[in-house]
Amino acid sequence: MIPTPANTSAAADGLYATAHWLYEAAKYTEATDVFRALLLVSPADERGWLGMGTCQVQLERRDVALKIFAMGAVAVPGSSRCCLAAAQVLLLDGHREAAEEALEKASEAAESAHDDEVLEAVAMMRRAR
């Protein structure tokens, strides 16, 4: 069945649940495949971008993860979580200035969306540096 607007959300939720289960089982390559399918069904679903990027981090392909998070930030306008994830990877690689830019973008998007959870995460990351 081809997803239509009426069933896209259910398909996306099912794919996300499967991908998350695979991720939790440390099957990162398989989880990436399912996250990719999620993005085919729902390209504006931030969970797909975050999941796919996080799998790449676990597979030690942080450069690929950064590209995925950047694409997610474009595909999901106002994606504070993709910017936050990019900042985390940038900090792991010692790119403090680029990480601060990503944190600023995450903070601005989170403020616009009134997302206190992301704002707190940004503040914690800034304090930890």
C-alpha atoms as a PDB file:
ATOM      1  CA  MET A   1       0.000   0.000   0.000  1.00  0.00           C
ATOM      2  CA  ILE A   2       1.322   3.434  -0.917  1.00  0.00           C
ATOM      3  CA  PRO A   3       1.123   5.842   2.009  1.00  0.00           C
ATOM      4  CA  THR A   4      -1.438   8.592   1.602  1.00  0.00           C
ATOM      5  CA  PRO A   5      -1.881  11.598   3.869  1.00  0.00           C
ATOM      6  CA  ALA A   6      -4.379   9.618   5.934  1.00  0.00           C
ATOM      7  CA  ASN A   7      -2.028   6.736   6.689  1.00  0.00           C
ATOM      8  CA  THR A   8       1.402   8.356   6.429  1.00  0.00           C
ATOM      9  CA  SER A   9       1.513   9.077  10.148  1.00  0.00           C
ATOM     10  CA  ALA A  10       0.729   5.468  11.059  1.00  0.00           C
ATOM     11  CA  ALA A  11       3.359   4.216   8.599  1.00  0.00           C
ATOM     12  CA  ALA A  12       5.917   6.700   9.960  1.00  0.00           C
ATOM     13  CA  ASP A  13       5.173   5.678  13.535  1.00  0.00           C
ATOM     14  CA  GLY A  14       5.572   2.001  12.675  1.00  0.00           C
ATOM     15  CA  LEU A  15       8.832   2.571  10.853  1.00  0.00           C
ATOM     16  CA  TYR A  16      10.154   4.689  13.693  1.00  0.00           C
ATOM     17  CA  ALA A  17       9.260   2.018  16.249  1.00  0.00           C
ATOM     18  CA  THR A  18      11.037  -0.639  14.195  1.00  0.00           C
ATOM     19  CA  ALA A  19      14.118   1.529  13.625  1.00  0.00           C
ATOM     20  CA  HIS A  20      14.269   2.452  17.306  1.00  0.00           C
ATOM     21  CA  TRP A  21      14.062  -1.218  18.289  1.00  0.00           C
ATOM     22  CA  LEU A  22      16.921  -2.041  15.906  1.00  0.00           C
ATOM     23  CA  TYR A  23      18.959   0.858  17.286  1.00  0.00           C
ATOM     24  CA  GLU A  24      18.419  -0.302  20.854  1.00  0.00           C
ATOM     25  CA  ALA A  25      19.576  -3.776  19.760  1.00  0.00           C
ATOM     26  CA  ALA A  26      22.795  -2.146  18.434  1.00  0.00           C
ATOM     27  CA  LYS A  27      21.875  -3.084  14.853  1.00  0.00           C
ATOM     28  CA  TYR A  28      22.867   0.325  13.527  1.00  0.00           C
ATOM     29  CA  THR A  29      23.180  -0.552   9.850  1.00  0.00           C
ATOM     30  CA  GLU A  30      19.731  -2.160   9.810  1.00  0.00           C
ATOM     31  CA  ALA A  31      18.281   0.723  11.809  1.00  0.00           C
ATOM     32  CA  THR A  32      19.728   3.166   9.267  1.00  0.00           C
ATOM     33  CA  ASP A  33      17.885   1.335   6.491  1.00  0.00           C
ATOM     34  CA  VAL A  34      14.588   1.636   8.349  1.00  0.00           C
ATOM     35  CA  PHE A  35      15.191   5.297   9.226  1.00  0.00           C
ATOM     36  CA  ARG A  36      15.831   5.858   5.498  1.00  0.00           C
ATOM     37  CA  ALA A  37      12.475   4.231   4.716  1.00  0.00           C
ATOM     38  CA  LEU A  38      10.856   6.497   7.312  1.00  0.00           C
ATOM     39  CA  LEU A  39      12.269   9.507   5.490  1.00  0.00           C
ATOM     40  CA  LEU A  40      10.882   8.245   2.182  1.00  0.00           C
ATOM     41  CA  VAL A  41       7.425   8.058   3.759  1.00  0.00           C
ATOM     42  CA  SER A  42       7.751  11.283   5.719  1.00  0.00           C
ATOM     43  CA  PRO A  43      10.750  13.477   4.793  1.00  0.00           C
ATOM     44  CA  ALA A  44       9.736  16.155   7.279  1.00  0.00           C
ATOM     45  CA  ASP A  45       9.787  13.719  10.211  1.00  0.00           C
ATOM     46  CA  GLU A  46      12.637  14.915  12.375  1.00  0.00           C
ATOM     47  CA  ARG A  47      12.884  11.500  14.050  1.00  0.00           C
ATOM     48  CA  GLY A  48      14.162   9.970  10.805  1.00  0.00           C
ATOM     49  CA  TRP A  49      16.964  12.483  10.403  1.00  0.00           C
ATOM     50  CA  LEU A  50      17.957  12.248  14.055  1.00  0.00           C
ATOM     51  CA  GLY A  51      17.858   8.468  14.054  1.00  0.00           C
ATOM     52  CA  MET A  52      19.814   8.092  10.850  1.00  0.00           C
ATOM     53  CA  GLY A  53      22.449  10.551  12.025  1.00  0.00           C
ATOM     54  CA  THR A  54      22.728   8.941  15.430  1.00  0.00           C
ATOM     55  CA  CYS A  55      23.255   5.546  13.800  1.00  0.00           C
ATOM     56  CA  GLN A  56      26.111   7.053  11.799  1.00  0.00           C
ATOM     57  CA  VAL A  57      27.682   8.335  15.019  1.00  0.00           C
ATOM     58  CA  GLN A  58      27.485   4.816  16.465  1.00  0.00           C
ATOM     59  CA  LEU A  59      29.068   3.451  13.277  1.00  0.00           C
ATOM     60  CA  GLU A  60      31.903   5.970  13.802  1.00  0.00           C
ATOM     61  CA  ARG A  61      31.008   7.955  10.688  1.00  0.00           C
ATOM     62  CA  ARG A  62      30.598  11.337  12.336  1.00  0.00           C
ATOM     63  CA  ASP A  63      31.272  13.218   9.092  1.00  0.00           C
ATOM     64  CA  VAL A  64      28.268  11.462   7.542  1.00  0.00           C
ATOM     65  CA  ALA A  65      26.204  12.148  10.669  1.00  0.00           C
ATOM     66  CA  LEU A  66      26.932  15.877  10.371  1.00  0.00           C
ATOM     67  CA  LYS A  67      25.720  15.873   6.769  1.00  0.00           C
ATOM     68  CA  ILE A  68      22.541  14.048   7.764  1.00  0.00           C
ATOM     69  CA  PHE A  69      21.827  16.467  10.611  1.00  0.00           C
ATOM     70  CA  ALA A  70      22.418  19.390   8.234  1.00  0.00           C
ATOM     71  CA  MET A  71      19.987  17.902   5.701  1.00  0.00           C
ATOM     72  CA  GLY A  72      17.482  17.356   8.493  1.00  0.00           C
ATOM     73  CA  ALA A  73      17.750  20.998   9.544  1.00  0.00           C
ATOM     74  CA  VAL A  74      16.859  21.986   5.958  1.00  0.00           C
ATOM     75  CA  ALA A  75      14.119  19.370   5.484  1.00  0.00           C
ATOM     76  CA  VAL A  76      12.503  20.219   8.817  1.00  0.00           C
ATOM     77  CA  PRO A  77      12.514  24.008   9.115  1.00  0.00           C
ATOM     78  CA  GLY A  78      12.988  25.048  12.707  1.00  0.00           C
ATOM     79  CA  SER A  79      14.585  21.732  13.640  1.00  0.00           C
ATOM     80  CA  SER A  80      16.253  22.583  16.902  1.00  0.00           C
ATOM     81  CA  ARG A  81      17.041  18.933  17.607  1.00  0.00           C
ATOM     82  CA  CYS A  82      19.001  18.400  14.369  1.00  0.00           C
ATOM     83  CA  CYS A  83      21.085  21.474  15.195  1.00  0.00           C
ATOM     84  CA  LEU A  84      21.591  20.236  18.747  1.00  0.00           C
ATOM     85  CA  ALA A  85      22.702  16.808  17.496  1.00  0.00           C
ATOM     86  CA  ALA A  86      25.149  18.450  15.096  1.00  0.00           C
ATOM     87  CA  ALA A  87      26.576  20.513  17.952  1.00  0.00           C
ATOM     88  CA  GLN A  88      27.159  17.352  19.981  1.00  0.00           C
ATOM     89  CA  VAL A  89      29.083  15.739  17.129  1.00  0.00           C
ATOM     90  CA  LEU A  90      31.072  18.900  16.480  1.00  0.00           C
ATOM     91  CA  LEU A  91      32.075  19.036  20.140  1.00  0.00           C
ATOM     92  CA  LEU A  92      33.173  15.387  20.015  1.00  0.00           C
ATOM     93  CA  ASP A  93      35.482  16.337  17.158  1.00  0.00           C
ATOM     94  CA  GLY A  94      36.791  19.432  18.940  1.00  0.00           C
ATOM     95  CA  HIS A  95      35.170  21.981  16.609  1.00  0.00           C
ATOM     96  CA  ARG A  96      34.113  24.451  19.303  1.00  0.00           C
ATOM     97  CA  GLU A  97      33.301  27.445  17.079  1.00  0.00           C
ATOM     98  CA  ALA A  98      31.160  25.403  14.696  1.00  0.00           C
ATOM     99  CA  ALA A  99      29.503  23.733  17.680  1.00  0.00           C
ATOM    100  CA  GLU A 100      28.646  27.130  19.156  1.00  0.00           C
ATOM    101  CA  GLU A 101      27.070  28.172  15.844  1.00  0.00           C
ATOM    102  CA  ALA A 102      24.977  24.987  15.843  1.00  0.00           C
ATOM    103  CA  LEU A 103      23.989  25.591  19.476  1.00  0.00           C
ATOM    104  CA  GLU A 104      22.916  29.117  18.600  1.00  0.00           C
ATOM    105  CA  LYS A 105      20.743  27.820  15.742  1.00  0.00           C
ATOM    106  CA  ALA A 106      19.291  25.169  18.056  1.00  0.00           C
ATOM    107  CA  SER A 107      18.565  27.792  20.687  1.00  0.00           C
ATOM    108  CA  GLU A 108      16.866  30.158  18.222  1.00  0.00           C
ATOM    109  CA  ALA A 109      14.706  27.366  16.792  1.00  0.00           C
ATOM    110  CA  ALA A 110      13.830  26.084  20.266  1.00  0.00           C
ATOM    111  CA  GLU A 111      12.858  29.570  21.425  1.00  0.00           C
ATOM    112  CA  SER A 112      10.571  29.979  18.418  1.00  0.00           C
ATOM    113  CA  ALA A 113       8.969  26.601  19.107  1.00  0.00           C
ATOM    114  CA  HIS A 114       8.844  27.161  22.883  1.00  0.00           C
ATOM    115  CA  ASP A 115      10.789  23.907  23.317  1.00  0.00           C
ATOM    116  CA  ASP A 116      12.101  24.148  26.863  1.00  0.00           C
ATOM    117  CA  GLU A 117      13.666  20.682  26.691  1.00  0.00           C
ATOM    118  CA  VAL A 118      16.029  21.714  23.895  1.00  0.00           C
ATOM    119  CA  LEU A 119      16.728  25.071  25.529  1.00  0.00           C
ATOM    120  CA  GLU A 120      17.792  23.244  28.691  1.00  0.00           C
ATOM    121  CA  ALA A 121      19.982  20.859  26.674  1.00  0.00           C
ATOM    122  CA  VAL A 122      21.665  23.825  24.964  1.00  0.00           C
ATOM    123  CA  ALA A 123      22.302  25.474  28.325  1.00  0.00           C
ATOM    124  CA  MET A 124      23.751  22.243  29.741  1.00  0.00           C
ATOM    125  CA  MET A 125      26.067  21.819  26.774  1.00  0.00           C
ATOM    126  CA  ARG A 126      27.283  25.374  27.081  1.00  0.00           C
ATOM    127  CA  ARG A 127      27.963  24.952  30.801  1.00  0.00           C
ATOM    128  CA  ALA A 128      29.836  21.690  30.204  1.00  0.00           C
ATOM    129  CA  ARG A 129      32.304  23.183  27.720  1.00  0.00           C
END
